[in-house]
């Protein structure tokens, strides 16, 4: 299991890197990577401060966390790099949410991306 902030960031960056297709514009990719790393660094620092009394990033995702995130998804939005539509995740019920939790935790703990 990944426990450091840097390690977690690397796991997520590698996961999303494998989802995308390289572009012909390498400058864009390098600039985008810098922006993502800066954002991740800032947000990990904030999260660690806020969660200093809890397990924070040291634990797996829960159904409750996934349910809260899915409830915030807006309809009629374009799919992301993973091609998953918000409506698909929202309308599939609790079984889908359980599978999402299992998937996210597998990616998080096993570094399995494909």
PDB file of N, CA and C in Angstrom:
ATOM      1  N   UNK A   1       0.838  -1.174   0.000  1.00  0.00           N
ATOM      2  CA  UNK A   1       0.000   0.000   0.000  1.00  0.00           C
ATOM      3  C   UNK A   1       0.886   1.241   0.000  1.00  0.00           C
ATOM      4  N   UNK A   2       0.515   2.218  -0.800  1.00  0.00           N
ATOM      5  CA  UNK A   2       1.263   3.460  -0.900  1.00  0.00           C
ATOM      6  C   UNK A   2       0.888   4.342   0.278  1.00  0.00           C
ATOM      7  N   UNK A   3       1.890   4.872   0.975  1.00  0.00           N
ATOM      8  CA  UNK A   3       1.563   5.681   2.144  1.00  0.00           C
ATOM      9  C   UNK A   3       2.054   7.116   2.044  1.00  0.00           C
ATOM     10  N   UNK A   4       3.026   7.392   1.211  1.00  0.00           N
ATOM     11  CA  UNK A   4       3.521   8.763   1.131  1.00  0.00           C
ATOM     12  C   UNK A   4       2.711   9.569   0.125  1.00  0.00           C
ATOM     13  N   UNK A   5       2.664  10.861   0.330  1.00  0.00           N
ATOM     14  CA  UNK A   5       1.941  11.751  -0.580  1.00  0.00           C
ATOM     15  C   UNK A   5       2.534  11.689  -1.979  1.00  0.00           C
ATOM     16  N   UNK A   6       3.847  11.676  -2.047  1.00  0.00           N
ATOM     17  CA  UNK A   6       4.516  11.613  -3.348  1.00  0.00           C
ATOM     18  C   UNK A   6       4.180  10.301  -4.050  1.00  0.00           C
ATOM     19  N   UNK A   7       4.184   9.211  -3.324  1.00  0.00           N
ATOM     20  CA  UNK A   7       3.861   7.912  -3.903  1.00  0.00           C
ATOM     21  C   UNK A   7       2.435   7.862  -4.416  1.00  0.00           C
ATOM     22  N   UNK A   8       1.510   8.437  -3.670  1.00  0.00           N
ATOM     23  CA  UNK A   8       0.106   8.464  -4.089  1.00  0.00           C
ATOM     24  C   UNK A   8      -0.061   9.303  -5.341  1.00  0.00           C
ATOM     25  N   UNK A   9       0.622  10.419  -5.357  1.00  0.00           N
ATOM     26  CA  UNK A   9       0.559  11.291  -6.521  1.00  0.00           C
ATOM     27  C   UNK A   9       1.093  10.552  -7.744  1.00  0.00           C
ATOM     28  N   UNK A  10       2.192   9.827  -7.579  1.00  0.00           N
ATOM     29  CA  UNK A  10       2.772   9.078  -8.686  1.00  0.00           C
ATOM     30  C   UNK A  10       1.828   7.988  -9.180  1.00  0.00           C
ATOM     31  N   UNK A  11       1.130   7.324  -8.267  1.00  0.00           N
ATOM     32  CA  UNK A  11       0.169   6.290  -8.655  1.00  0.00           C
ATOM     33  C   UNK A  11      -0.944   6.890  -9.507  1.00  0.00           C
ATOM     34  N   UNK A  12      -1.492   8.009  -9.050  1.00  0.00           N
ATOM     35  CA  UNK A  12      -2.583   8.647  -9.795  1.00  0.00           C
ATOM     36  C   UNK A  12      -2.110   9.221 -11.121  1.00  0.00           C
ATOM     37  N   UNK A  13      -0.943   9.846 -11.136  1.00  0.00           N
ATOM     38  CA  UNK A  13      -0.416  10.399 -12.389  1.00  0.00           C
ATOM     39  C   UNK A  13      -0.186   9.283 -13.389  1.00  0.00           C
ATOM     40  N   UNK A  14       0.384   8.176 -12.962  1.00  0.00           N
ATOM     41  CA  UNK A  14       0.641   7.052 -13.860  1.00  0.00           C
ATOM     42  C   UNK A  14      -0.667   6.464 -14.380  1.00  0.00           C
ATOM     43  N   UNK A  15      -1.668   6.358 -13.530  1.00  0.00           N
ATOM     44  CA  UNK A  15      -2.975   5.842 -13.947  1.00  0.00           C
ATOM     45  C   UNK A  15      -3.561   6.714 -15.054  1.00  0.00           C
ATOM     46  N   UNK A  16      -3.618   8.021 -14.831  1.00  0.00           N
ATOM     47  CA  UNK A  16      -4.214   8.906 -15.821  1.00  0.00           C
ATOM     48  C   UNK A  16      -3.335   9.057 -17.055  1.00  0.00           C
ATOM     49  N   UNK A  17      -2.043   8.922 -16.910  1.00  0.00           N
ATOM     50  CA  UNK A  17      -1.143   8.973 -18.066  1.00  0.00           C
ATOM     51  C   UNK A  17      -1.453   7.809 -19.010  1.00  0.00           C
ATOM     52  N   UNK A  18      -1.722   6.634 -18.462  1.00  0.00           N
ATOM     53  CA  UNK A  18      -2.021   5.477 -19.291  1.00  0.00           C
ATOM     54  C   UNK A  18      -3.392   5.566 -19.950  1.00  0.00           C
ATOM     55  N   UNK A  19      -4.300   6.338 -19.382  1.00  0.00           N
ATOM     56  CA  UNK A  19      -5.628   6.495 -19.977  1.00  0.00           C
ATOM     57  C   UNK A  19      -5.588   7.345 -21.236  1.00  0.00           C
ATOM     58  N   UNK A  20      -4.724   8.343 -21.266  1.00  0.00           N
ATOM     59  CA  UNK A  20      -4.688   9.288 -22.378  1.00  0.00           C
ATOM     60  C   UNK A  20      -3.843   8.790 -23.526  1.00  0.00           C
ATOM     61  N   UNK A  21      -4.051   9.420 -24.648  1.00  0.00           N
ATOM     62  CA  UNK A  21      -3.246   9.139 -25.825  1.00  0.00           C
ATOM     63  C   UNK A  21      -2.274  10.296 -26.002  1.00  0.00           C
ATOM     64  N   UNK A  22      -1.001   9.995 -26.228  1.00  0.00           N
ATOM     65  CA  UNK A  22      -0.036  11.086 -26.394  1.00  0.00           C
ATOM     66  C   UNK A  22      -0.430  12.004 -27.551  1.00  0.00           C
ATOM     67  N   UNK A  23      -0.189  13.273 -27.391  1.00  0.00           N
ATOM     68  CA  UNK A  23      -0.494  14.234 -28.440  1.00  0.00           C
ATOM     69  C   UNK A  23       0.769  14.549 -29.225  1.00  0.00           C
ATOM     70  N   UNK A  24       0.580  15.185 -30.344  1.00  0.00           N
ATOM     71  CA  UNK A  24       1.720  15.588 -31.161  1.00  0.00           C
ATOM     72  C   UNK A  24       2.415  16.804 -30.553  1.00  0.00           C
ATOM     73  N   UNK A  25       1.723  17.511 -29.674  1.00  0.00           N
ATOM     74  CA  UNK A  25       2.256  18.722 -29.072  1.00  0.00           C
ATOM     75  C   UNK A  25       2.885  18.382 -27.719  1.00  0.00           C
ATOM     76  N   UNK A  26       4.171  18.079 -27.722  1.00  0.00           N
ATOM     77  CA  UNK A  26       4.857  17.691 -26.495  1.00  0.00           C
ATOM     78  C   UNK A  26       4.958  18.842 -25.504  1.00  0.00           C
ATOM     79  N   UNK A  27       4.988  20.079 -25.991  1.00  0.00           N
ATOM     80  CA  UNK A  27       5.041  21.240 -25.107  1.00  0.00           C
ATOM     81  C   UNK A  27       3.793  21.303 -24.251  1.00  0.00           C
ATOM     82  N   UNK A  28       2.629  21.061 -24.877  1.00  0.00           N
ATOM     83  CA  UNK A  28       1.377  21.061 -24.129  1.00  0.00           C
ATOM     84  C   UNK A  28       1.425  20.005 -23.037  1.00  0.00           C
ATOM     85  N   UNK A  29       1.868  18.787 -23.370  1.00  0.00           N
ATOM     86  CA  UNK A  29       1.926  17.713 -22.383  1.00  0.00           C
ATOM     87  C   UNK A  29       2.829  18.079 -21.211  1.00  0.00           C
ATOM     88  N   UNK A  30       3.971  18.675 -21.480  1.00  0.00           N
ATOM     89  CA  UNK A  30       4.901  19.049 -20.407  1.00  0.00           C
ATOM     90  C   UNK A  30       4.293  20.148 -19.534  1.00  0.00           C
ATOM     91  N   UNK A  31       3.660  21.130 -20.159  1.00  0.00           N
ATOM     92  CA  UNK A  31       3.026  22.208 -19.394  1.00  0.00           C
ATOM     93  C   UNK A  31       1.867  21.673 -18.566  1.00  0.00           C
ATOM     94  N   UNK A  32       1.083  20.782 -19.161  1.00  0.00           N
ATOM     95  CA  UNK A  32      -0.047  20.189 -18.461  1.00  0.00           C
ATOM     96  C   UNK A  32       0.431  19.382 -17.264  1.00  0.00           C
ATOM     97  N   UNK A  33       1.494  18.622 -17.443  1.00  0.00           N
ATOM     98  CA  UNK A  33       2.037  17.828 -16.346  1.00  0.00           C
ATOM     99  C   UNK A  33       2.507  18.731 -15.206  1.00  0.00           C
ATOM    100  N   UNK A  34       3.142  19.845 -15.533  1.00  0.00           N
ATOM    101  CA  UNK A  34       3.582  20.783 -14.498  1.00  0.00           C
ATOM    102  C   UNK A  34       2.389  21.334 -13.721  1.00  0.00           C
ATOM    103  N   UNK A  35       1.329  21.690 -14.459  1.00  0.00           N
ATOM    104  CA  UNK A  35       0.135  22.223 -13.803  1.00  0.00           C
ATOM    105  C   UNK A  35      -0.497  21.184 -12.885  1.00  0.00           C
ATOM    106  N   UNK A  36      -0.602  19.948 -13.348  1.00  0.00           N
ATOM    107  CA  UNK A  36      -1.198  18.875 -12.553  1.00  0.00           C
ATOM    108  C   UNK A  36      -0.355  18.607 -11.312  1.00  0.00           C
ATOM    109  N   UNK A  37       0.949  18.540 -11.469  1.00  0.00           N
ATOM    110  CA  UNK A  37       1.818  18.288 -10.312  1.00  0.00           C
ATOM    111  C   UNK A  37       1.734  19.416  -9.295  1.00  0.00           C
ATOM    112  N   UNK A  38       1.667  20.668  -9.775  1.00  0.00           N
ATOM    113  CA  UNK A  38       1.532  21.799  -8.853  1.00  0.00           C
ATOM    114  C   UNK A  38       0.206  21.727  -8.110  1.00  0.00           C
ATOM    115  N   UNK A  39      -0.863  21.422  -8.843  1.00  0.00           N
ATOM    116  CA  UNK A  39      -2.184  21.297  -8.212  1.00  0.00           C
ATOM    117  C   UNK A  39      -2.176  20.171  -7.174  1.00  0.00           C
ATOM    118  N   UNK A  40      -1.621  19.020  -7.547  1.00  0.00           N
ATOM    119  CA  UNK A  40      -1.590  17.876  -6.631  1.00  0.00           C
ATOM    120  C   UNK A  40      -0.779  18.200  -5.385  1.00  0.00           C
ATOM    121  N   UNK A  41       0.352  18.840  -5.574  1.00  0.00           N
ATOM    122  CA  UNK A  41       1.202  19.202  -4.437  1.00  0.00           C
ATOM    123  C   UNK A  41       0.459  20.128  -3.479  1.00  0.00           C
ATOM    124  N   UNK A  42      -0.210  21.137  -4.028  1.00  0.00           N
ATOM    125  CA  UNK A  42      -0.949  22.084  -3.193  1.00  0.00           C
ATOM    126  C   UNK A  42      -2.097  21.406  -2.468  1.00  0.00           C
ATOM    127  N   UNK A  43      -2.816  20.533  -3.154  1.00  0.00           N
ATOM    128  CA  UNK A  43      -3.979  19.893  -2.549  1.00  0.00           C
ATOM    129  C   UNK A  43      -3.597  18.793  -1.573  1.00  0.00           C
ATOM    130  N   UNK A  44      -2.513  18.109  -1.799  1.00  0.00           N
ATOM    131  CA  UNK A  44      -2.054  17.098  -0.842  1.00  0.00           C
ATOM    132  C   UNK A  44      -1.650  17.794   0.445  1.00  0.00           C
ATOM    133  N   UNK A  45      -0.935  18.922   0.343  1.00  0.00           N
ATOM    134  CA  UNK A  45      -0.531  19.664   1.536  1.00  0.00           C
ATOM    135  C   UNK A  45      -1.756  20.124   2.328  1.00  0.00           C
ATOM    136  N   UNK A  46      -2.760  20.653   1.638  1.00  0.00           N
ATOM    137  CA  UNK A  46      -3.982  21.108   2.304  1.00  0.00           C
ATOM    138  C   UNK A  46      -4.684  19.936   2.963  1.00  0.00           C
ATOM    139  N   UNK A  47      -4.812  18.824   2.240  1.00  0.00           N
ATOM    140  CA  UNK A  47      -5.511  17.657   2.776  1.00  0.00           C
ATOM    141  C   UNK A  47      -4.804  17.098   3.997  1.00  0.00           C
ATOM    142  N   UNK A  48      -3.489  17.056   3.954  1.00  0.00           N
ATOM    143  CA  UNK A  48      -2.758  16.519   5.101  1.00  0.00           C
ATOM    144  C   UNK A  48      -2.936  17.414   6.316  1.00  0.00           C
ATOM    145  N   UNK A  49      -3.011  18.715   6.100  1.00  0.00           N
ATOM    146  CA  UNK A  49      -3.244  19.645   7.205  1.00  0.00           C
ATOM    147  C   UNK A  49      -4.638  19.440   7.777  1.00  0.00           C
ATOM    148  N   UNK A  50      -5.638  19.345   6.899  1.00  0.00           N
ATOM    149  CA  UNK A  50      -7.014  19.180   7.347  1.00  0.00           C
ATOM    150  C   UNK A  50      -7.239  17.832   8.027  1.00  0.00           C
ATOM    151  N   UNK A  51      -6.545  16.804   7.553  1.00  0.00           N
ATOM    152  CA  UNK A  51      -6.747  15.454   8.056  1.00  0.00           C
ATOM    153  C   UNK A  51      -5.678  15.028   9.050  1.00  0.00           C
ATOM    154  N   UNK A  52      -5.005  15.975   9.678  1.00  0.00           N
ATOM    155  CA  UNK A  52      -3.889  15.619  10.546  1.00  0.00           C
ATOM    156  C   UNK A  52      -4.319  14.743  11.718  1.00  0.00           C
ATOM    157  N   UNK A  53      -5.592  14.839  12.131  1.00  0.00           N
ATOM    158  CA  UNK A  53      -6.060  14.016  13.238  1.00  0.00           C
ATOM    159  C   UNK A  53      -6.728  12.720  12.765  1.00  0.00           C
ATOM    160  N   UNK A  54      -6.802  12.523  11.471  1.00  0.00           N
ATOM    161  CA  UNK A  54      -7.446  11.315  10.944  1.00  0.00           C
ATOM    162  C   UNK A  54      -6.450  10.541  10.101  1.00  0.00           C
ATOM    163  N   UNK A  55      -6.935   9.476   9.508  1.00  0.00           N
ATOM    164  CA  UNK A  55      -6.075   8.635   8.684  1.00  0.00           C
ATOM    165  C   UNK A  55      -5.737   9.319   7.363  1.00  0.00           C
ATOM    166  N   UNK A  56      -6.549  10.284   6.920  1.00  0.00           N
ATOM    167  CA  UNK A  56      -6.271  11.019   5.694  1.00  0.00           C
ATOM    168  C   UNK A  56      -6.088  10.101   4.505  1.00  0.00           C
ATOM    169  N   UNK A  57      -4.953  10.228   3.856  1.00  0.00           N
ATOM    170  CA  UNK A  57      -4.674   9.440   2.661  1.00  0.00           C
ATOM    171  C   UNK A  57      -4.146   8.041   2.991  1.00  0.00           C
ATOM    172  N   UNK A  58      -4.143   7.656   4.220  1.00  0.00           N
ATOM    173  CA  UNK A  58      -3.575   6.377   4.605  1.00  0.00           C
ATOM    174  C   UNK A  58      -4.566   5.216   4.507  1.00  0.00           C
ATOM    175  N   UNK A  59      -5.790   5.493   4.128  1.00  0.00           N
ATOM    176  CA  UNK A  59      -6.804   4.447   4.109  1.00  0.00           C
ATOM    177  C   UNK A  59      -7.418   4.317   2.723  1.00  0.00           C
ATOM    178  N   UNK A  60      -8.167   3.250   2.534  1.00  0.00           N
ATOM    179  CA  UNK A  60      -8.831   3.014   1.263  1.00  0.00           C
ATOM    180  C   UNK A  60     -10.100   3.857   1.164  1.00  0.00           C
ATOM    181  N   UNK A  61     -10.635   3.936  -0.044  1.00  0.00           N
ATOM    182  CA  UNK A  61     -11.892   4.644  -0.272  1.00  0.00           C
ATOM    183  C   UNK A  61     -13.042   3.872   0.367  1.00  0.00           C
ATOM    184  N   UNK A  62     -14.081   4.596   0.769  1.00  0.00           N
ATOM    185  CA  UNK A  62     -15.266   3.953   1.337  1.00  0.00           C
ATOM    186  C   UNK A  62     -16.457   4.179   0.409  1.00  0.00           C
ATOM    187  N   UNK A  63     -17.509   3.360   0.598  1.00  0.00           N
ATOM    188  CA  UNK A  63     -18.731   3.544  -0.183  1.00  0.00           C
ATOM    189  C   UNK A  63     -19.337   4.915   0.071  1.00  0.00           C
ATOM    190  N   UNK A  64     -19.270   5.365   1.305  1.00  0.00           N
ATOM    191  CA  UNK A  64     -19.839   6.664   1.638  1.00  0.00           C
ATOM    192  C   UNK A  64     -19.140   7.785   0.868  1.00  0.00           C
ATOM    193  N   UNK A  65     -17.822   7.716   0.772  1.00  0.00           N
ATOM    194  CA  UNK A  65     -17.077   8.731   0.029  1.00  0.00           C
ATOM    195  C   UNK A  65     -17.465   8.709  -1.448  1.00  0.00           C
ATOM    196  N   UNK A  66     -17.533   7.522  -2.016  1.00  0.00           N
ATOM    197  CA  UNK A  66     -17.905   7.405  -3.426  1.00  0.00           C
ATOM    198  C   UNK A  66     -19.340   7.885  -3.634  1.00  0.00           C
ATOM    199  N   UNK A  67     -20.250   7.518  -2.731  1.00  0.00           N
ATOM    200  CA  UNK A  67     -21.639   7.969  -2.849  1.00  0.00           C
ATOM    201  C   UNK A  67     -21.737   9.496  -2.828  1.00  0.00           C
ATOM    202  N   UNK A  68     -20.976  10.141  -1.956  1.00  0.00           N
ATOM    203  CA  UNK A  68     -20.997  11.602  -1.883  1.00  0.00           C
ATOM    204  C   UNK A  68     -20.491  12.216  -3.184  1.00  0.00           C
ATOM    205  N   UNK A  69     -19.424  11.650  -3.729  1.00  0.00           N
ATOM    206  CA  UNK A  69     -18.861  12.177  -4.977  1.00  0.00           C
ATOM    207  C   UNK A  69     -19.814  11.963  -6.147  1.00  0.00           C
ATOM    208  N   UNK A  70     -20.408  10.781  -6.233  1.00  0.00           N
ATOM    209  CA  UNK A  70     -21.339  10.496  -7.322  1.00  0.00           C
ATOM    210  C   UNK A  70     -22.558  11.411  -7.232  1.00  0.00           C
ATOM    211  N   UNK A  71     -23.022  11.685  -6.018  1.00  0.00           N
ATOM    212  CA  UNK A  71     -24.183  12.560  -5.835  1.00  0.00           C
ATOM    213  C   UNK A  71     -23.896  13.974  -6.345  1.00  0.00           C
ATOM    214  N   UNK A  72     -22.638  14.386  -6.340  1.00  0.00           N
ATOM    215  CA  UNK A  72     -22.275  15.729  -6.800  1.00  0.00           C
ATOM    216  C   UNK A  72     -22.118  15.824  -8.318  1.00  0.00           C
ATOM    217  N   UNK A  73     -22.079  14.688  -9.005  1.00  0.00           N
ATOM    218  CA  UNK A  73     -21.885  14.702 -10.454  1.00  0.00           C
ATOM    219  C   UNK A  73     -23.067  15.362 -11.145  1.00  0.00           C
ATOM    220  N   UNK A  74     -22.778  16.144 -12.166  1.00  0.00           N
ATOM    221  CA  UNK A  74     -23.824  16.813 -12.933  1.00  0.00           C
ATOM    222  C   UNK A  74     -24.151  15.991 -14.179  1.00  0.00           C
ATOM    223  N   UNK A  75     -25.408  16.030 -14.583  1.00  0.00           N
ATOM    224  CA  UNK A  75     -25.842  15.349 -15.793  1.00  0.00           C
ATOM    225  C   UNK A  75     -25.477  16.167 -17.030  1.00  0.00           C
ATOM    226  N   UNK A  76     -25.492  15.490 -18.164  1.00  0.00           N
ATOM    227  CA  UNK A  76     -25.284  16.128 -19.466  1.00  0.00           C
ATOM    228  C   UNK A  76     -23.916  16.791 -19.588  1.00  0.00           C
ATOM    229  N   UNK A  77     -22.904  16.123 -19.054  1.00  0.00           N
ATOM    230  CA  UNK A  77     -21.533  16.608 -19.179  1.00  0.00           C
ATOM    231  C   UNK A  77     -20.747  15.600 -20.007  1.00  0.00           C
ATOM    232  N   UNK A  78     -19.749  16.080 -20.713  1.00  0.00           N
ATOM    233  CA  UNK A  78     -18.933  15.213 -21.552  1.00  0.00           C
ATOM    234  C   UNK A  78     -18.153  14.220 -20.700  1.00  0.00           C
ATOM    235  N   UNK A  79     -17.928  13.052 -21.264  1.00  0.00           N
ATOM    236  CA  UNK A  79     -17.138  12.030 -20.580  1.00  0.00           C
ATOM    237  C   UNK A  79     -15.683  12.481 -20.495  1.00  0.00           C
ATOM    238  N   UNK A  80     -14.998  12.006 -19.478  1.00  0.00           N
ATOM    239  CA  UNK A  80     -13.581  12.314 -19.319  1.00  0.00           C
ATOM    240  C   UNK A  80     -12.718  11.337 -20.102  1.00  0.00           C
ATOM    241  N   UNK A  81     -11.442  11.292 -19.761  1.00  0.00           N
ATOM    242  CA  UNK A  81     -10.494  10.425 -20.460  1.00  0.00           C
ATOM    243  C   UNK A  81     -10.872   8.958 -20.343  1.00  0.00           C
ATOM    244  N   UNK A  82     -11.570   8.587 -19.264  1.00  0.00           N
ATOM    245  CA  UNK A  82     -11.962   7.190 -19.076  1.00  0.00           C
ATOM    246  C   UNK A  82     -13.250   6.846 -19.820  1.00  0.00           C
ATOM    247  N   UNK A  83     -13.847   7.834 -20.493  1.00  0.00           N
ATOM    248  CA  UNK A  83     -15.065   7.669 -21.292  1.00  0.00           C
ATOM    249  C   UNK A  83     -16.287   7.275 -20.466  1.00  0.00           C
ATOM    250  N   UNK A  84     -16.254   7.499 -19.163  1.00  0.00           N
ATOM    251  CA  UNK A  84     -17.393   7.196 -18.300  1.00  0.00           C
ATOM    252  C   UNK A  84     -18.313   8.414 -18.218  1.00  0.00           C
ATOM    253  N   UNK A  85     -19.582   8.205 -18.501  1.00  0.00           N
ATOM    254  CA  UNK A  85     -20.566   9.285 -18.421  1.00  0.00           C
ATOM    255  C   UNK A  85     -21.094   9.366 -16.986  1.00  0.00           C
ATOM    256  N   UNK A  86     -21.324  10.571 -16.515  1.00  0.00           N
ATOM    257  CA  UNK A  86     -21.835  10.776 -15.158  1.00  0.00           C
ATOM    258  C   UNK A  86     -23.159  10.043 -14.947  1.00  0.00           C
ATOM    259  N   UNK A  87     -24.053  10.107 -15.939  1.00  0.00           N
ATOM    260  CA  UNK A  87     -25.351   9.457 -15.801  1.00  0.00           C
ATOM    261  C   UNK A  87     -25.207   7.951 -15.599  1.00  0.00           C
ATOM    262  N   UNK A  88     -24.208   7.361 -16.253  1.00  0.00           N
ATOM    263  CA  UNK A  88     -23.968   5.922 -16.101  1.00  0.00           C
ATOM    264  C   UNK A  88     -23.637   5.594 -14.645  1.00  0.00           C
ATOM    265  N   UNK A  89     -22.777   6.398 -14.041  1.00  0.00           N
ATOM    266  CA  UNK A  89     -22.377   6.147 -12.652  1.00  0.00           C
ATOM    267  C   UNK A  89     -23.526   6.442 -11.684  1.00  0.00           C
ATOM    268  N   UNK A  90     -24.344   7.440 -12.007  1.00  0.00           N
ATOM    269  CA  UNK A  90     -25.424   7.841 -11.106  1.00  0.00           C
ATOM    270  C   UNK A  90     -26.617   6.884 -11.159  1.00  0.00           C
ATOM    271  N   UNK A  91     -26.902   6.317 -12.313  1.00  0.00           N
ATOM    272  CA  UNK A  91     -28.138   5.546 -12.498  1.00  0.00           C
ATOM    273  C   UNK A  91     -27.974   4.044 -12.289  1.00  0.00           C
ATOM    274  N   UNK A  92     -26.805   3.562 -12.061  1.00  0.00           N
ATOM    275  CA  UNK A  92     -26.584   2.117 -11.946  1.00  0.00           C
ATOM    276  C   UNK A  92     -26.806   1.568 -10.547  1.00  0.00           C
ATOM    277  N   UNK A  93     -27.037   2.408  -9.577  1.00  0.00           N
ATOM    278  CA  UNK A  93     -27.394   1.930  -8.248  1.00  0.00           C
ATOM    279  C   UNK A  93     -26.220   1.527  -7.386  1.00  0.00           C
ATOM    280  N   UNK A  94     -26.567   0.895  -6.273  1.00  0.00           N
ATOM    281  CA  UNK A  94     -25.575   0.557  -5.252  1.00  0.00           C
ATOM    282  C   UNK A  94     -24.560  -0.471  -5.745  1.00  0.00           C
ATOM    283  N   UNK A  95     -24.993  -1.402  -6.590  1.00  0.00           N
ATOM    284  CA  UNK A  95     -24.058  -2.401  -7.129  1.00  0.00           C
ATOM    285  C   UNK A  95     -22.917  -1.749  -7.886  1.00  0.00           C
ATOM    286  N   UNK A  96     -23.246  -0.732  -8.676  1.00  0.00           N
ATOM    287  CA  UNK A  96     -22.226  -0.002  -9.425  1.00  0.00           C
ATOM    288  C   UNK A  96     -21.286   0.725  -8.473  1.00  0.00           C
ATOM    289  N   UNK A  97     -21.824   1.297  -7.432  1.00  0.00           N
ATOM    290  CA  UNK A  97     -20.991   2.032  -6.469  1.00  0.00           C
ATOM    291  C   UNK A  97     -20.029   1.084  -5.752  1.00  0.00           C
ATOM    292  N   UNK A  98     -20.500  -0.102  -5.419  1.00  0.00           N
ATOM    293  CA  UNK A  98     -19.631  -1.092  -4.780  1.00  0.00           C
ATOM    294  C   UNK A  98     -18.471  -1.443  -5.714  1.00  0.00           C
ATOM    295  N   UNK A  99     -18.788  -1.634  -6.998  1.00  0.00           N
ATOM    296  CA  UNK A  99     -17.743  -1.958  -7.980  1.00  0.00           C
ATOM    297  C   UNK A  99     -16.764  -0.790  -8.137  1.00  0.00           C
ATOM    298  N   UNK A 100     -17.274   0.434  -8.086  1.00  0.00           N
ATOM    299  CA  UNK A 100     -16.398   1.603  -8.187  1.00  0.00           C
ATOM    300  C   UNK A 100     -15.435   1.654  -7.002  1.00  0.00           C
ATOM    301  N   UNK A 101     -15.944   1.397  -5.812  1.00  0.00           N
ATOM    302  CA  UNK A 101     -15.086   1.390  -4.621  1.00  0.00           C
ATOM    303  C   UNK A 101     -14.006   0.311  -4.767  1.00  0.00           C
ATOM    304  N   UNK A 102     -14.397  -0.850  -5.219  1.00  0.00           N
ATOM    305  CA  UNK A 102     -13.426  -1.938  -5.406  1.00  0.00           C
ATOM    306  C   UNK A 102     -12.366  -1.547  -6.435  1.00  0.00           C
ATOM    307  N   UNK A 103     -12.792  -0.939  -7.540  1.00  0.00           N
ATOM    308  CA  UNK A 103     -11.862  -0.511  -8.588  1.00  0.00           C
ATOM    309  C   UNK A 103     -10.895   0.542  -8.062  1.00  0.00           C
ATOM    310  N   UNK A 104     -11.426   1.581  -7.418  1.00  0.00           N
ATOM    311  CA  UNK A 104     -10.568   2.651  -6.913  1.00  0.00           C
ATOM    312  C   UNK A 104      -9.570   2.121  -5.888  1.00  0.00           C
ATOM    313  N   UNK A 105     -10.017   1.239  -5.017  1.00  0.00           N
ATOM    314  CA  UNK A 105      -9.108   0.691  -4.007  1.00  0.00           C
ATOM    315  C   UNK A 105      -8.071  -0.227  -4.626  1.00  0.00           C
ATOM    316  N   UNK A 106      -8.429  -0.946  -5.674  1.00  0.00           N
ATOM    317  CA  UNK A 106      -7.448  -1.797  -6.358  1.00  0.00           C
ATOM    318  C   UNK A 106      -6.384  -0.928  -7.016  1.00  0.00           C
ATOM    319  N   UNK A 107      -6.813   0.117  -7.704  1.00  0.00           N
ATOM    320  CA  UNK A 107      -5.866   1.042  -8.334  1.00  0.00           C
ATOM    321  C   UNK A 107      -4.963   1.657  -7.271  1.00  0.00           C
ATOM    322  N   UNK A 108      -5.568   2.068  -6.158  1.00  0.00           N
ATOM    323  CA  UNK A 108      -4.837   2.751  -5.089  1.00  0.00           C
ATOM    324  C   UNK A 108      -3.818   1.855  -4.402  1.00  0.00           C
ATOM    325  N   UNK A 109      -4.226   0.646  -4.038  1.00  0.00           N
ATOM    326  CA  UNK A 109      -3.348  -0.206  -3.232  1.00  0.00           C
ATOM    327  C   UNK A 109      -2.430  -1.109  -4.049  1.00  0.00           C
ATOM    328  N   UNK A 110      -2.891  -1.552  -5.197  1.00  0.00           N
ATOM    329  CA  UNK A 110      -2.112  -2.509  -5.990  1.00  0.00           C
ATOM    330  C   UNK A 110      -1.363  -1.880  -7.144  1.00  0.00           C
ATOM    331  N   UNK A 111      -1.635  -0.591  -7.386  1.00  0.00           N
ATOM    332  CA  UNK A 111      -1.045   0.092  -8.542  1.00  0.00           C
ATOM    333  C   UNK A 111      -1.383  -0.628  -9.834  1.00  0.00           C
ATOM    334  N   UNK A 112      -2.618  -1.062  -9.937  1.00  0.00           N
ATOM    335  CA  UNK A 112      -3.105  -1.731 -11.137  1.00  0.00           C
ATOM    336  C   UNK A 112      -3.884  -0.701 -11.936  1.00  0.00           C
ATOM    337  N   UNK A 113      -3.457  -0.436 -13.148  1.00  0.00           N
ATOM    338  CA  UNK A 113      -4.045   0.644 -13.919  1.00  0.00           C
ATOM    339  C   UNK A 113      -4.869   0.178 -15.114  1.00  0.00           C
ATOM    340  N   UNK A 114      -4.689  -1.026 -15.555  1.00  0.00           N
ATOM    341  CA  UNK A 114      -5.408  -1.458 -16.763  1.00  0.00           C
ATOM    342  C   UNK A 114      -6.249  -2.671 -16.484  1.00  0.00           C
TER     343      UNK A 114
END
